[in-house]
Structures are given as structure tokens and as C-alpha cells.
């Protein structure tokens, strides 16, 4: 995890998102099942990012010159991170939208 955080810019974005979502869960007192969904989707993003980092390290160590197969492998690994991140955002929307709407409706002028 430390190596991923030190070497990957997107890992900082994932870390920030993880902190924001955890704080929102704490603030809204989300239910256990909602916590489970948030934890699983966050873990999926971190696993995908870590595996993507590993693929990039191995690919870069294998060959320095351009190779279409290495480029494609790196693109596929990055795509996996994107899929996990999109799914995590959708989970966050599903979990937090009702809480946010409740707060907004209480403060909305009539």
C-alpha cells in the first residue's frame, strides 16, 4: 500500500475519496449493510489500483522500448481500476443520496 501511495498519483485520489466516504458514513450514521457496500466497493478500488501498479512495474521492468502488448496490458489493468471506481461511485450515490436529499429537504425554503 505504501509503495502504491508513494508512486501512483491516482492512489492519492482514491485515498481522498476513501476518507471522504468514511467521514460521510460516520456523519450520516449509515446502516451496517450500507457500510458493507461502501467497504467492499472501496476495497475493490484499492485492489484494482494495487494490481494495476503491479502490472505497470512488471511491464516497465520487462521492456523499455514500445511494445503493443505491454501497452495493451497496462491499458487493460487501468481499465479495471476505472470499472471499480465507477462501481464505487455508483454505490456511494445509492447509499448517500437518500441522506443528502433528507438534509437538503430540511433546509430547502418553502
PDB file of N, CA and C in Angstrom:
ATOM      1  N   UNK A   1       0.831  -1.200   0.000  1.00  0.00           N
ATOM      2  CA  UNK A   1       0.000   0.000   0.000  1.00  0.00           C
ATOM      3  C   UNK A   1       0.868   1.254   0.000  1.00  0.00           C
ATOM      4  N   UNK A   2       1.913   1.233   0.809  1.00  0.00           N
ATOM      5  CA  UNK A   2       2.780   2.412   0.879  1.00  0.00           C
ATOM      6  C   UNK A   2       3.406   2.694  -0.476  1.00  0.00           C
ATOM      7  N   UNK A   3       3.890   1.649  -1.148  1.00  0.00           N
ATOM      8  CA  UNK A   3       4.517   1.824  -2.456  1.00  0.00           C
ATOM      9  C   UNK A   3       3.511   2.349  -3.479  1.00  0.00           C
ATOM     10  N   UNK A   4       2.308   1.833  -3.430  1.00  0.00           N
ATOM     11  CA  UNK A   4       1.256   2.323  -4.332  1.00  0.00           C
ATOM     12  C   UNK A   4       0.975   3.794  -4.062  1.00  0.00           C
ATOM     13  N   UNK A   5       0.845   4.161  -2.793  1.00  0.00           N
ATOM     14  CA  UNK A   5       0.577   5.567  -2.448  1.00  0.00           C
ATOM     15  C   UNK A   5       1.735   6.485  -2.838  1.00  0.00           C
ATOM     16  N   UNK A   6       2.972   5.996  -2.682  1.00  0.00           N
ATOM     17  CA  UNK A   6       4.130   6.837  -2.989  1.00  0.00           C
ATOM     18  C   UNK A   6       4.353   7.015  -4.483  1.00  0.00           C
ATOM     19  N   UNK A   7       3.917   6.031  -5.288  1.00  0.00           N
ATOM     20  CA  UNK A   7       4.276   6.055  -6.708  1.00  0.00           C
ATOM     21  C   UNK A   7       3.129   6.360  -7.652  1.00  0.00           C
ATOM     22  N   UNK A   8       1.905   6.311  -7.178  1.00  0.00           N
ATOM     23  CA  UNK A   8       0.758   6.452  -8.080  1.00  0.00           C
ATOM     24  C   UNK A   8      -0.093   7.662  -7.699  1.00  0.00           C
ATOM     25  N   UNK A   9      -0.167   8.609  -8.620  1.00  0.00           N
ATOM     26  CA  UNK A   9      -0.964   9.817  -8.383  1.00  0.00           C
ATOM     27  C   UNK A   9      -2.423   9.477  -8.106  1.00  0.00           C
ATOM     28  N   UNK A  10      -2.978   8.541  -8.879  1.00  0.00           N
ATOM     29  CA  UNK A  10      -4.391   8.194  -8.690  1.00  0.00           C
ATOM     30  C   UNK A  10      -4.663   7.575  -7.325  1.00  0.00           C
ATOM     31  N   UNK A  11      -3.657   6.971  -6.719  1.00  0.00           N
ATOM     32  CA  UNK A  11      -3.848   6.403  -5.385  1.00  0.00           C
ATOM     33  C   UNK A  11      -4.158   7.508  -4.376  1.00  0.00           C
ATOM     34  N   UNK A  12      -3.590   8.681  -4.574  1.00  0.00           N
ATOM     35  CA  UNK A  12      -3.909   9.817  -3.696  1.00  0.00           C
ATOM     36  C   UNK A  12      -5.374  10.209  -3.847  1.00  0.00           C
ATOM     37  N   UNK A  13      -5.864  10.165  -5.077  1.00  0.00           N
ATOM     38  CA  UNK A  13      -7.276  10.471  -5.316  1.00  0.00           C
ATOM     39  C   UNK A  13      -8.150   9.424  -4.629  1.00  0.00           C
ATOM     40  N   UNK A  14      -7.778   8.148  -4.772  1.00  0.00           N
ATOM     41  CA  UNK A  14      -8.535   7.079  -4.104  1.00  0.00           C
ATOM     42  C   UNK A  14      -8.481   7.238  -2.594  1.00  0.00           C
ATOM     43  N   UNK A  15      -7.336   7.611  -2.068  1.00  0.00           N
ATOM     44  CA  UNK A  15      -7.210   7.808  -0.616  1.00  0.00           C
ATOM     45  C   UNK A  15      -8.122   8.934  -0.146  1.00  0.00           C
ATOM     46  N   UNK A  16      -8.128  10.027  -0.877  1.00  0.00           N
ATOM     47  CA  UNK A  16      -9.006  11.141  -0.523  1.00  0.00           C
ATOM     48  C   UNK A  16     -10.470  10.748  -0.574  1.00  0.00           C
ATOM     49  N   UNK A  17     -10.842  10.023  -1.618  1.00  0.00           N
ATOM     50  CA  UNK A  17     -12.224   9.574  -1.748  1.00  0.00           C
ATOM     51  C   UNK A  17     -12.592   8.613  -0.620  1.00  0.00           C
ATOM     52  N   UNK A  18     -11.671   7.738  -0.252  1.00  0.00           N
ATOM     53  CA  UNK A  18     -11.921   6.793   0.835  1.00  0.00           C
ATOM     54  C   UNK A  18     -12.169   7.531   2.144  1.00  0.00           C
ATOM     55  N   UNK A  19     -11.365   8.542   2.414  1.00  0.00           N
ATOM     56  CA  UNK A  19     -11.538   9.325   3.640  1.00  0.00           C
ATOM     57  C   UNK A  19     -12.868  10.071   3.615  1.00  0.00           C
ATOM     58  N   UNK A  20     -13.200  10.698   2.503  1.00  0.00           N
ATOM     59  CA  UNK A  20     -14.453  11.455   2.395  1.00  0.00           C
ATOM     60  C   UNK A  20     -15.653  10.537   2.602  1.00  0.00           C
ATOM     61  N   UNK A  21     -15.627   9.370   1.966  1.00  0.00           N
ATOM     62  CA  UNK A  21     -16.747   8.433   2.085  1.00  0.00           C
ATOM     63  C   UNK A  21     -16.853   7.902   3.520  1.00  0.00           C
ATOM     64  N   UNK A  22     -15.726   7.607   4.140  1.00  0.00           N
ATOM     65  CA  UNK A  22     -15.757   7.129   5.527  1.00  0.00           C
ATOM     66  C   UNK A  22     -16.315   8.207   6.454  1.00  0.00           C
ATOM     67  N   UNK A  23     -15.888   9.438   6.262  1.00  0.00           N
ATOM     68  CA  UNK A  23     -16.413  10.533   7.086  1.00  0.00           C
ATOM     69  C   UNK A  23     -17.902  10.757   6.843  1.00  0.00           C
ATOM     70  N   UNK A  24     -18.333  10.648   5.592  1.00  0.00           N
ATOM     71  CA  UNK A  24     -19.760  10.794   5.281  1.00  0.00           C
ATOM     72  C   UNK A  24     -20.560   9.671   5.929  1.00  0.00           C
ATOM     73  N   UNK A  25     -20.025   8.454   5.896  1.00  0.00           N
ATOM     74  CA  UNK A  25     -20.710   7.338   6.549  1.00  0.00           C
ATOM     75  C   UNK A  25     -20.854   7.558   8.041  1.00  0.00           C
ATOM     76  N   UNK A  26     -19.791   8.055   8.641  1.00  0.00           N
ATOM     77  CA  UNK A  26     -19.836   8.352  10.072  1.00  0.00           C
ATOM     78  C   UNK A  26     -20.835   9.485  10.349  1.00  0.00           C
ATOM     79  N   UNK A  27     -20.796  10.545   9.547  1.00  0.00           N
ATOM     80  CA  UNK A  27     -21.665  11.708   9.741  1.00  0.00           C
ATOM     81  C   UNK A  27     -23.148  11.322   9.618  1.00  0.00           C
ATOM     82  N   UNK A  28     -23.469  10.530   8.605  1.00  0.00           N
ATOM     83  CA  UNK A  28     -24.867  10.174   8.357  1.00  0.00           C
ATOM     84  C   UNK A  28     -25.324   8.944   9.147  1.00  0.00           C
ATOM     85  N   UNK A  29     -24.413   8.320   9.898  1.00  0.00           N
ATOM     86  CA  UNK A  29     -24.755   7.118  10.666  1.00  0.00           C
ATOM     87  C   UNK A  29     -25.396   6.061   9.769  1.00  0.00           C
ATOM     88  N   UNK A  30     -24.707   5.746   8.675  1.00  0.00           N
ATOM     89  CA  UNK A  30     -25.270   4.771   7.747  1.00  0.00           C
ATOM     90  C   UNK A  30     -25.374   3.401   8.411  1.00  0.00           C
ATOM     91  N   UNK A  31     -26.265   2.575   7.871  1.00  0.00           N
ATOM     92  CA  UNK A  31     -26.533   1.251   8.441  1.00  0.00           C
ATOM     93  C   UNK A  31     -25.402   0.266   8.129  1.00  0.00           C
ATOM     94  N   UNK A  32     -25.412  -0.843   8.823  1.00  0.00           N
ATOM     95  CA  UNK A  32     -24.356  -1.855   8.659  1.00  0.00           C
ATOM     96  C   UNK A  32     -24.271  -2.366   7.229  1.00  0.00           C
ATOM     97  N   UNK A  33     -25.395  -2.636   6.604  1.00  0.00           N
ATOM     98  CA  UNK A  33     -25.386  -3.122   5.218  1.00  0.00           C
ATOM     99  C   UNK A  33     -24.806  -2.069   4.281  1.00  0.00           C
ATOM    100  N   UNK A  34     -25.083  -0.800   4.566  1.00  0.00           N
ATOM    101  CA  UNK A  34     -24.515   0.279   3.752  1.00  0.00           C
ATOM    102  C   UNK A  34     -23.007   0.367   3.954  1.00  0.00           C
ATOM    103  N   UNK A  35     -22.563   0.200   5.199  1.00  0.00           N
ATOM    104  CA  UNK A  35     -21.117   0.168   5.474  1.00  0.00           C
ATOM    105  C   UNK A  35     -20.469  -0.973   4.696  1.00  0.00           C
ATOM    106  N   UNK A  36     -21.126  -2.125   4.690  1.00  0.00           N
ATOM    107  CA  UNK A  36     -20.574  -3.280   3.978  1.00  0.00           C
ATOM    108  C   UNK A  36     -20.404  -2.956   2.494  1.00  0.00           C
ATOM    109  N   UNK A  37     -21.405  -2.337   1.890  1.00  0.00           N
ATOM    110  CA  UNK A  37     -21.322  -1.975   0.476  1.00  0.00           C
ATOM    111  C   UNK A  37     -20.191  -0.971   0.229  1.00  0.00           C
ATOM    112  N   UNK A  38     -20.067   0.003   1.112  1.00  0.00           N
ATOM    113  CA  UNK A  38     -19.012   1.013   0.979  1.00  0.00           C
ATOM    114  C   UNK A  38     -17.637   0.371   1.143  1.00  0.00           C
ATOM    115  N   UNK A  39     -17.485  -0.486   2.136  1.00  0.00           N
ATOM    116  CA  UNK A  39     -16.192  -1.135   2.384  1.00  0.00           C
ATOM    117  C   UNK A  39     -15.806  -2.041   1.224  1.00  0.00           C
ATOM    118  N   UNK A  40     -16.741  -2.836   0.738  1.00  0.00           N
ATOM    119  CA  UNK A  40     -16.436  -3.751  -0.361  1.00  0.00           C
ATOM    120  C   UNK A  40     -16.090  -2.982  -1.628  1.00  0.00           C
ATOM    121  N   UNK A  41     -16.836  -1.948  -1.944  1.00  0.00           N
ATOM    122  CA  UNK A  41     -16.540  -1.189  -3.164  1.00  0.00           C
ATOM    123  C   UNK A  41     -15.229  -0.418  -3.029  1.00  0.00           C
ATOM    124  N   UNK A  42     -14.938   0.113  -1.860  1.00  0.00           N
ATOM    125  CA  UNK A  42     -13.662   0.798  -1.648  1.00  0.00           C
ATOM    126  C   UNK A  42     -12.500  -0.185  -1.757  1.00  0.00           C
ATOM    127  N   UNK A  43     -12.665  -1.355  -1.170  1.00  0.00           N
ATOM    128  CA  UNK A  43     -11.618  -2.377  -1.250  1.00  0.00           C
ATOM    129  C   UNK A  43     -11.385  -2.803  -2.693  1.00  0.00           C
ATOM    130  N   UNK A  44     -12.449  -2.918  -3.465  1.00  0.00           N
ATOM    131  CA  UNK A  44     -12.303  -3.297  -4.877  1.00  0.00           C
ATOM    132  C   UNK A  44     -11.462  -2.275  -5.632  1.00  0.00           C
ATOM    133  N   UNK A  45     -11.674  -1.004  -5.351  1.00  0.00           N
ATOM    134  CA  UNK A  45     -10.872   0.044  -5.999  1.00  0.00           C
ATOM    135  C   UNK A  45      -9.410  -0.081  -5.593  1.00  0.00           C
ATOM    136  N   UNK A  46      -9.154  -0.298  -4.307  1.00  0.00           N
ATOM    137  CA  UNK A  46      -7.769  -0.416  -3.835  1.00  0.00           C
ATOM    138  C   UNK A  46      -7.085  -1.660  -4.388  1.00  0.00           C
ATOM    139  N   UNK A  47      -7.817  -2.764  -4.470  1.00  0.00           N
ATOM    140  CA  UNK A  47      -7.246  -3.980  -5.053  1.00  0.00           C
ATOM    141  C   UNK A  47      -6.918  -3.742  -6.525  1.00  0.00           C
ATOM    142  N   UNK A  48      -7.857  -3.160  -7.258  1.00  0.00           N
ATOM    143  CA  UNK A  48      -7.618  -2.896  -8.680  1.00  0.00           C
ATOM    144  C   UNK A  48      -6.436  -1.949  -8.871  1.00  0.00           C
ATOM    145  N   UNK A  49      -6.353  -0.902  -8.070  1.00  0.00           N
ATOM    146  CA  UNK A  49      -5.241   0.050  -8.184  1.00  0.00           C
ATOM    147  C   UNK A  49      -3.908  -0.635  -7.855  1.00  0.00           C
ATOM    148  N   UNK A  50      -3.897  -1.468  -6.845  1.00  0.00           N
ATOM    149  CA  UNK A  50      -2.668  -2.179  -6.484  1.00  0.00           C
ATOM    150  C   UNK A  50      -2.240  -3.146  -7.578  1.00  0.00           C
ATOM    151  N   UNK A  51      -3.185  -3.887  -8.133  1.00  0.00           N
ATOM    152  CA  UNK A  51      -2.850  -4.801  -9.227  1.00  0.00           C
ATOM    153  C   UNK A  51      -2.404  -4.037 -10.474  1.00  0.00           C
ATOM    154  N   UNK A  52      -3.037  -2.916 -10.742  1.00  0.00           N
ATOM    155  CA  UNK A  52      -2.621  -2.074 -11.860  1.00  0.00           C
ATOM    156  C   UNK A  52      -1.184  -1.598 -11.665  1.00  0.00           C
ATOM    157  N   UNK A  53      -0.857  -1.193 -10.462  1.00  0.00           N
ATOM    158  CA  UNK A  53       0.506  -0.758 -10.153  1.00  0.00           C
ATOM    159  C   UNK A  53       1.490  -1.905 -10.368  1.00  0.00           C
ATOM    160  N   UNK A  54       1.120  -3.094  -9.923  1.00  0.00           N
ATOM    161  CA  UNK A  54       1.995  -4.256 -10.109  1.00  0.00           C
ATOM    162  C   UNK A  54       2.204  -4.557 -11.593  1.00  0.00           C
ATOM    163  N   UNK A  55       1.140  -4.498 -12.379  1.00  0.00           N
ATOM    164  CA  UNK A  55       1.252  -4.723 -13.832  1.00  0.00           C
ATOM    165  C   UNK A  55       2.175  -3.684 -14.449  1.00  0.00           C
ATOM    166  N   UNK A  56       2.024  -2.429 -14.054  1.00  0.00           N
ATOM    167  CA  UNK A  56       2.885  -1.373 -14.596  1.00  0.00           C
ATOM    168  C   UNK A  56       4.349  -1.607 -14.230  1.00  0.00           C
ATOM    169  N   UNK A  57       4.627  -1.981 -12.993  1.00  0.00           N
ATOM    170  CA  UNK A  57       6.013  -2.237 -12.578  1.00  0.00           C
ATOM    171  C   UNK A  57       6.623  -3.386 -13.378  1.00  0.00           C
ATOM    172  N   UNK A  58       5.877  -4.479 -13.491  1.00  0.00           N
ATOM    173  CA  UNK A  58       6.392  -5.635 -14.237  1.00  0.00           C
ATOM    174  C   UNK A  58       6.573  -5.275 -15.713  1.00  0.00           C
ATOM    175  N   UNK A  59       5.607  -4.592 -16.284  1.00  0.00           N
ATOM    176  CA  UNK A  59       5.699  -4.219 -17.697  1.00  0.00           C
ATOM    177  C   UNK A  59       6.885  -3.294 -17.938  1.00  0.00           C
ATOM    178  N   UNK A  60       7.090  -2.336 -17.067  1.00  0.00           N
ATOM    179  CA  UNK A  60       8.210  -1.404 -17.235  1.00  0.00           C
ATOM    180  C   UNK A  60       9.554  -2.102 -17.049  1.00  0.00           C
ATOM    181  N   UNK A  61       9.598  -3.098 -16.182  1.00  0.00           N
ATOM    182  CA  UNK A  61      10.839  -3.833 -15.962  1.00  0.00           C
ATOM    183  C   UNK A  61      11.151  -4.776 -17.123  1.00  0.00           C
ATOM    184  N   UNK A  62      10.118  -5.214 -17.821  1.00  0.00           N
ATOM    185  CA  UNK A  62      10.290  -6.178 -18.902  1.00  0.00           C
ATOM    186  C   UNK A  62      10.945  -5.564 -20.126  1.00  0.00           C
ATOM    187  N   UNK A  63      10.469  -4.401 -20.507  1.00  0.00           N
ATOM    188  CA  UNK A  63      10.953  -3.785 -21.728  1.00  0.00           C
ATOM    189  C   UNK A  63      10.809  -2.272 -21.654  1.00  0.00           C
ATOM    190  N   UNK A  64      11.865  -1.569 -22.018  1.00  0.00           N
ATOM    191  CA  UNK A  64      11.797  -0.100 -22.003  1.00  0.00           C
ATOM    192  C   UNK A  64      11.254   0.444 -23.326  1.00  0.00           C
ATOM    193  N   UNK A  65      11.502  -0.261 -24.427  1.00  0.00           N
ATOM    194  CA  UNK A  65      11.009   0.226 -25.727  1.00  0.00           C
ATOM    195  C   UNK A  65       9.510  -0.061 -25.856  1.00  0.00           C
ATOM    196  N   UNK A  66       8.899   0.621 -26.793  1.00  0.00           N
ATOM    197  CA  UNK A  66       7.456   0.479 -27.015  1.00  0.00           C
ATOM    198  C   UNK A  66       7.125  -0.943 -27.451  1.00  0.00           C
ATOM    199  N   UNK A  67       6.099  -1.506 -26.856  1.00  0.00           N
ATOM    200  CA  UNK A  67       5.618  -2.831 -27.228  1.00  0.00           C
ATOM    201  C   UNK A  67       4.095  -2.791 -27.147  1.00  0.00           C
ATOM    202  N   UNK A  68       3.414  -3.088 -28.243  1.00  0.00           N
ATOM    203  CA  UNK A  68       1.945  -3.010 -28.235  1.00  0.00           C
ATOM    204  C   UNK A  68       1.287  -3.922 -27.195  1.00  0.00           C
ATOM    205  N   UNK A  69       1.856  -5.084 -26.938  1.00  0.00           N
ATOM    206  CA  UNK A  69       1.264  -5.986 -25.945  1.00  0.00           C
ATOM    207  C   UNK A  69       1.399  -5.433 -24.531  1.00  0.00           C
ATOM    208  N   UNK A  70       2.542  -4.850 -24.238  1.00  0.00           N
ATOM    209  CA  UNK A  70       2.728  -4.236 -22.917  1.00  0.00           C
ATOM    210  C   UNK A  70       1.802  -3.036 -22.765  1.00  0.00           C
ATOM    211  N   UNK A  71       1.714  -2.225 -23.811  1.00  0.00           N
ATOM    212  CA  UNK A  71       0.790  -1.076 -23.776  1.00  0.00           C
ATOM    213  C   UNK A  71      -0.631  -1.554 -23.513  1.00  0.00           C
ATOM    214  N   UNK A  72      -1.055  -2.609 -24.223  1.00  0.00           N
ATOM    215  CA  UNK A  72      -2.414  -3.127 -24.052  1.00  0.00           C
ATOM    216  C   UNK A  72      -2.631  -3.694 -22.650  1.00  0.00           C
ATOM    217  N   UNK A  73      -1.623  -4.401 -22.111  1.00  0.00           N
ATOM    218  CA  UNK A  73      -1.741  -4.948 -20.758  1.00  0.00           C
ATOM    219  C   UNK A  73      -1.914  -3.824 -19.743  1.00  0.00           C
ATOM    220  N   UNK A  74      -1.150  -2.760 -19.901  1.00  0.00           N
ATOM    221  CA  UNK A  74      -1.264  -1.622 -18.983  1.00  0.00           C
ATOM    222  C   UNK A  74      -2.627  -0.942 -19.129  1.00  0.00           C
ATOM    223  N   UNK A  75      -3.107  -0.840 -20.361  1.00  0.00           N
ATOM    224  CA  UNK A  75      -4.421  -0.226 -20.583  1.00  0.00           C
ATOM    225  C   UNK A  75      -5.548  -1.055 -19.974  1.00  0.00           C
ATOM    226  N   UNK A  76      -5.456  -2.381 -20.111  1.00  0.00           N
ATOM    227  CA  UNK A  76      -6.482  -3.251 -19.546  1.00  0.00           C
ATOM    228  C   UNK A  76      -6.481  -3.151 -18.021  1.00  0.00           C
ATOM    229  N   UNK A  77      -5.295  -3.139 -17.423  1.00  0.00           N
ATOM    230  CA  UNK A  77      -5.195  -3.017 -15.962  1.00  0.00           C
ATOM    231  C   UNK A  77      -5.759  -1.675 -15.494  1.00  0.00           C
ATOM    232  N   UNK A  78      -5.462  -0.619 -16.227  1.00  0.00           N
ATOM    233  CA  UNK A  78      -6.005   0.693 -15.877  1.00  0.00           C
ATOM    234  C   UNK A  78      -7.525   0.709 -16.054  1.00  0.00           C
ATOM    235  N   UNK A  79      -8.014   0.010 -17.061  1.00  0.00           N
ATOM    236  CA  UNK A  79      -9.460  -0.097 -17.268  1.00  0.00           C
ATOM    237  C   UNK A  79     -10.153  -0.786 -16.109  1.00  0.00           C
ATOM    238  N   UNK A  80      -9.484  -1.766 -15.521  1.00  0.00           N
ATOM    239  CA  UNK A  80     -10.050  -2.453 -14.357  1.00  0.00           C
ATOM    240  C   UNK A  80     -10.222  -1.486 -13.192  1.00  0.00           C
ATOM    241  N   UNK A  81      -9.261  -0.599 -13.017  1.00  0.00           N
ATOM    242  CA  UNK A  81      -9.372   0.414 -11.959  1.00  0.00           C
ATOM    243  C   UNK A  81     -10.556   1.328 -12.251  1.00  0.00           C
ATOM    244  N   UNK A  82     -10.703   1.725 -13.503  1.00  0.00           N
ATOM    245  CA  UNK A  82     -11.809   2.601 -13.879  1.00  0.00           C
ATOM    246  C   UNK A  82     -13.160   1.933 -13.607  1.00  0.00           C
ATOM    247  N   UNK A  83     -13.277   0.663 -13.957  1.00  0.00           N
ATOM    248  CA  UNK A  83     -14.525  -0.073 -13.707  1.00  0.00           C
ATOM    249  C   UNK A  83     -14.826  -0.103 -12.207  1.00  0.00           C
ATOM    250  N   UNK A  84     -13.822  -0.424 -11.398  1.00  0.00           N
ATOM    251  CA  UNK A  84     -14.018  -0.480  -9.947  1.00  0.00           C
ATOM    252  C   UNK A  84     -14.385   0.893  -9.394  1.00  0.00           C
ATOM    253  N   UNK A  85     -13.737   1.936  -9.894  1.00  0.00           N
ATOM    254  CA  UNK A  85     -14.013   3.290  -9.407  1.00  0.00           C
ATOM    255  C   UNK A  85     -15.425   3.735  -9.772  1.00  0.00           C
ATOM    256  N   UNK A  86     -15.852   3.439 -10.992  1.00  0.00           N
ATOM    257  CA  UNK A  86     -17.221   3.800 -11.403  1.00  0.00           C
ATOM    258  C   UNK A  86     -18.235   3.058 -10.536  1.00  0.00           C
ATOM    259  N   UNK A  87     -17.995   1.773 -10.303  1.00  0.00           N
ATOM    260  CA  UNK A  87     -18.903   1.000  -9.448  1.00  0.00           C
ATOM    261  C   UNK A  87     -18.942   1.578  -8.032  1.00  0.00           C
ATOM    262  N   UNK A  88     -17.789   1.981  -7.510  1.00  0.00           N
ATOM    263  CA  UNK A  88     -17.735   2.563  -6.167  1.00  0.00           C
ATOM    264  C   UNK A  88     -18.509   3.881  -6.101  1.00  0.00           C
ATOM    265  N   UNK A  89     -18.401   4.679  -7.137  1.00  0.00           N
ATOM    266  CA  UNK A  89     -19.160   5.941  -7.178  1.00  0.00           C
ATOM    267  C   UNK A  89     -20.658   5.645  -7.203  1.00  0.00           C
ATOM    268  N   UNK A  90     -21.061   4.660  -7.983  1.00  0.00           N
ATOM    269  CA  UNK A  90     -22.479   4.307  -8.030  1.00  0.00           C
ATOM    270  C   UNK A  90     -22.972   3.799  -6.676  1.00  0.00           C
ATOM    271  N   UNK A  91     -22.165   2.997  -5.998  1.00  0.00           N
ATOM    272  CA  UNK A  91     -22.533   2.535  -4.652  1.00  0.00           C
ATOM    273  C   UNK A  91     -22.677   3.739  -3.717  1.00  0.00           C
ATOM    274  N   UNK A  92     -21.729   4.661  -3.780  1.00  0.00           N
ATOM    275  CA  UNK A  92     -21.797   5.853  -2.919  1.00  0.00           C
ATOM    276  C   UNK A  92     -23.053   6.669  -3.206  1.00  0.00           C
ATOM    277  N   UNK A  93     -23.405   6.807  -4.462  1.00  0.00           N
ATOM    278  CA  UNK A  93     -24.625   7.547  -4.816  1.00  0.00           C
ATOM    279  C   UNK A  93     -25.851   6.842  -4.252  1.00  0.00           C
ATOM    280  N   UNK A  94     -25.911   5.528  -4.431  1.00  0.00           N
ATOM    281  CA  UNK A  94     -27.059   4.756  -3.926  1.00  0.00           C
ATOM    282  C   UNK A  94     -27.160   4.863  -2.404  1.00  0.00           C
ATOM    283  N   UNK A  95     -26.026   4.794  -1.729  1.00  0.00           N
ATOM    284  CA  UNK A  95     -26.038   4.836  -0.258  1.00  0.00           C
ATOM    285  C   UNK A  95     -26.335   6.235   0.254  1.00  0.00           C
ATOM    286  N   UNK A  96     -25.655   7.241  -0.289  1.00  0.00           N
ATOM    287  CA  UNK A  96     -25.720   8.574   0.317  1.00  0.00           C
ATOM    288  C   UNK A  96     -26.815   9.479  -0.233  1.00  0.00           C
ATOM    289  N   UNK A  97     -27.345   9.213  -1.407  1.00  0.00           N
ATOM    290  CA  UNK A  97     -28.373  10.093  -1.985  1.00  0.00           C
ATOM    291  C   UNK A  97     -29.570  10.291  -1.050  1.00  0.00           C
ATOM    292  N   UNK A  98     -30.120   9.239  -0.451  1.00  0.00           N
ATOM    293  CA  UNK A  98     -31.264   9.470   0.444  1.00  0.00           C
ATOM    294  C   UNK A  98     -30.917  10.360   1.648  1.00  0.00           C
ATOM    295  N   UNK A  99     -29.717  10.191   2.199  1.00  0.00           N
ATOM    296  CA  UNK A  99     -29.303  11.014   3.341  1.00  0.00           C
ATOM    297  C   UNK A  99     -29.129  12.473   2.927  1.00  0.00           C
ATOM    298  N   UNK A 100     -28.497  12.677   1.790  1.00  0.00           N
ATOM    299  CA  UNK A 100     -28.282  14.048   1.303  1.00  0.00           C
ATOM    300  C   UNK A 100     -29.616  14.700   0.977  1.00  0.00           C
ATOM    301  N   UNK A 101     -30.510  13.972   0.333  1.00  0.00           N
ATOM    302  CA  UNK A 101     -31.819  14.532  -0.006  1.00  0.00           C
ATOM    303  C   UNK A 101     -32.596  14.910   1.245  1.00  0.00           C
ATOM    304  N   UNK A 102     -32.473  14.115   2.290  1.00  0.00           N
ATOM    305  CA  UNK A 102     -33.152  14.426   3.550  1.00  0.00           C
ATOM    306  C   UNK A 102     -32.617  15.726   4.139  1.00  0.00           C
ATOM    307  N   UNK A 103     -31.302  15.898   4.128  1.00  0.00           N
ATOM    308  CA  UNK A 103     -30.689  17.120   4.653  1.00  0.00           C
ATOM    309  C   UNK A 103     -31.098  18.314   3.798  1.00  0.00           C
ATOM    310  N   UNK A 104     -31.063  18.161   2.490  1.00  0.00           N
ATOM    311  CA  UNK A 104     -31.424  19.254   1.587  1.00  0.00           C
ATOM    312  C   UNK A 104     -32.887  19.631   1.770  1.00  0.00           C
ATOM    313  N   UNK A 105     -33.756  18.641   1.882  1.00  0.00           N
ATOM    314  CA  UNK A 105     -35.190  18.942   2.010  1.00  0.00           C
ATOM    315  C   UNK A 105     -35.498  19.654   3.326  1.00  0.00           C
ATOM    316  N   UNK A 106     -34.718  19.391   4.372  1.00  0.00           N
ATOM    317  CA  UNK A 106     -34.945  20.075   5.647  1.00  0.00           C
ATOM    318  C   UNK A 106     -34.520  21.526   5.598  1.00  0.00           C
ATOM    319  N   UNK A 107     -33.569  21.834   4.727  1.00  0.00           N
ATOM    320  CA  UNK A 107     -33.045  23.198   4.644  1.00  0.00           C
ATOM    321  C   UNK A 107     -33.537  23.964   3.420  1.00  0.00           C
ATOM    322  N   UNK A 108     -34.398  23.333   2.653  1.00  0.00           N
ATOM    323  CA  UNK A 108     -34.915  23.964   1.443  1.00  0.00           C
ATOM    324  C   UNK A 108     -36.025  24.936   1.805  1.00  0.00           C
ATOM    325  N   UNK A 109     -35.944  26.182   1.335  1.00  0.00           N
ATOM    326  CA  UNK A 109     -37.013  27.152   1.668  1.00  0.00           C
ATOM    327  C   UNK A 109     -38.321  26.763   0.987  1.00  0.00           C
ATOM    328  N   UNK A 110     -39.385  26.961   1.717  1.00  0.00           N
ATOM    329  CA  UNK A 110     -40.699  26.588   1.171  1.00  0.00           C
ATOM    330  C   UNK A 110     -41.370  27.732   0.493  1.00  0.00           C
TER     331      UNK A 110
END
